[in-house]
Amino acid sequence: MLDLKPIRTEADYQLALSEIERLFDAPLGTPECDRLDILATLVEAYEMKHDPIPLPTPDEALLFRLESRRSVVAAFIDGLKRQGVDEAVIRVALEEVTG
């Protein structure tokens, strides 16, 4: 069993990930589950320091939102078409939004 300590090196990080994998299905309320929770917190802190994920630009965030809700957007576009909005207008609006 891995001793709990700060993750300072890539080797420490890899060991912690291996231990997390081993403990992944630990039952709630057990010492193993507590250990999993602590290791996950340590790994998260290490990743934020050494490999932070940059915030998306506003355009990237909007595009992600549209893509992740593709069915909702498609239904909205179908509704516009049923109301008589010209397809060319819809296409131009989408191009404006998505770049």
Protein backbone atom coordinates (compact mmCIF):
# COMPACT_ATOMS: atom_id res chain seq x y z
CA MET A 1 0.00 0.00 0.00
CA LEU A 2 1.31 3.42 -1.00
CA ASP A 3 2.15 5.85 1.82
CA LEU A 4 0.11 9.04 1.58
CA LYS A 5 2.36 11.99 0.83
CA PRO A 6 2.37 14.99 -1.48
CA ILE A 7 2.82 14.18 -5.16
CA ARG A 8 6.02 15.94 -6.22
CA THR A 9 7.32 13.96 -9.21
CA GLU A 10 5.98 12.17 -12.26
CA ALA A 11 6.88 8.87 -10.57
CA ASP A 12 4.83 9.84 -7.49
CA TYR A 13 1.98 10.78 -9.81
CA GLN A 14 2.08 7.44 -11.66
CA LEU A 15 2.15 5.52 -8.37
CA ALA A 16 -0.86 7.47 -7.12
CA LEU A 17 -2.76 6.76 -10.36
CA SER A 18 -2.01 3.04 -10.01
CA GLU A 19 -3.26 3.07 -6.43
CA ILE A 20 -6.40 4.95 -7.49
CA GLU A 21 -7.07 2.32 -10.14
CA ARG A 22 -6.66 -0.44 -7.55
CA LEU A 23 -9.04 1.30 -5.13
CA PHE A 24 -11.56 2.49 -7.71
CA ASP A 25 -14.40 0.20 -6.62
CA ALA A 26 -13.83 0.57 -2.87
CA PRO A 27 -17.12 0.49 -0.95
CA LEU A 28 -18.29 3.78 0.53
CA GLY A 29 -17.43 4.33 4.16
CA THR A 30 -14.38 2.07 4.15
CA PRO A 31 -10.77 3.07 4.86
CA GLU A 32 -10.01 2.17 1.24
CA CYS A 33 -12.65 4.63 0.03
CA ASP A 34 -11.20 7.34 2.28
CA ARG A 35 -7.75 6.60 0.86
CA LEU A 36 -9.15 6.82 -2.69
CA ASP A 37 -10.69 10.20 -1.91
CA ILE A 38 -7.42 11.57 -0.51
CA LEU A 39 -5.38 10.25 -3.44
CA ALA A 40 -7.83 11.75 -5.94
CA THR A 41 -7.47 15.12 -4.21
CA LEU A 42 -3.67 14.89 -4.33
CA VAL A 43 -3.71 13.90 -8.01
CA GLU A 44 -6.07 16.76 -8.86
CA ALA A 45 -3.77 19.26 -7.13
CA TYR A 46 -0.73 17.88 -8.97
CA GLU A 47 -2.52 18.02 -12.35
CA MET A 48 -3.72 21.57 -11.79
CA LYS A 49 -0.17 22.67 -11.01
CA HIS A 50 1.68 20.72 -13.71
CA ASP A 51 -0.86 20.41 -16.53
CA PRO A 52 -3.58 23.01 -16.08
CA ILE A 53 -6.46 23.04 -18.54
CA PRO A 54 -6.82 26.54 -19.98
CA LEU A 55 -10.22 28.16 -19.95
CA PRO A 56 -11.92 28.15 -23.33
CA THR A 57 -12.36 31.31 -25.33
CA PRO A 58 -15.95 32.60 -25.47
CA ASP A 59 -16.26 31.26 -29.03
CA GLU A 60 -14.98 27.82 -27.99
CA ALA A 61 -17.38 27.72 -25.05
CA LEU A 62 -20.35 28.66 -27.24
CA LEU A 63 -19.42 26.13 -29.91
CA PHE A 64 -19.05 23.40 -27.27
CA ARG A 65 -22.43 24.31 -25.81
CA LEU A 66 -24.07 24.16 -29.22
CA GLU A 67 -22.39 20.87 -30.12
CA SER A 68 -23.24 19.26 -26.78
CA ARG A 69 -26.86 20.23 -27.21
CA ARG A 70 -27.03 19.28 -30.89
CA SER A 71 -30.49 17.68 -30.59
CA VAL A 72 -31.91 20.74 -28.83
CA VAL A 73 -30.38 23.07 -31.43
CA ALA A 74 -31.66 20.86 -34.26
CA ALA A 75 -35.16 20.97 -32.76
CA PHE A 76 -34.92 24.77 -32.45
CA ILE A 77 -33.86 25.06 -36.11
CA ASP A 78 -36.71 22.76 -37.18
CA GLY A 79 -39.09 25.02 -35.26
CA LEU A 80 -37.74 28.08 -37.08
CA LYS A 81 -38.25 26.33 -40.41
CA ARG A 82 -41.83 25.40 -39.50
CA GLN A 83 -42.46 29.06 -38.70
CA GLY A 84 -41.29 30.00 -42.19
CA VAL A 85 -37.81 31.33 -41.42
CA ASP A 86 -35.78 30.96 -44.61
CA GLU A 87 -33.12 28.25 -44.47
CA ALA A 88 -30.51 30.66 -45.91
CA VAL A 89 -31.13 33.06 -43.00
CA ILE A 90 -30.71 30.22 -40.51
CA ARG A 91 -27.47 29.12 -42.20
CA VAL A 92 -26.04 32.67 -42.11
CA ALA A 93 -26.98 33.01 -38.43
CA LEU A 94 -25.31 29.69 -37.59
CA GLU A 95 -22.17 30.70 -39.48
CA GLU A 96 -22.07 33.94 -37.51
CA VAL A 97 -22.34 32.06 -34.23
CA THR A 98 -19.88 29.27 -35.04
CA GLY A 99 -17.38 31.28 -37.07
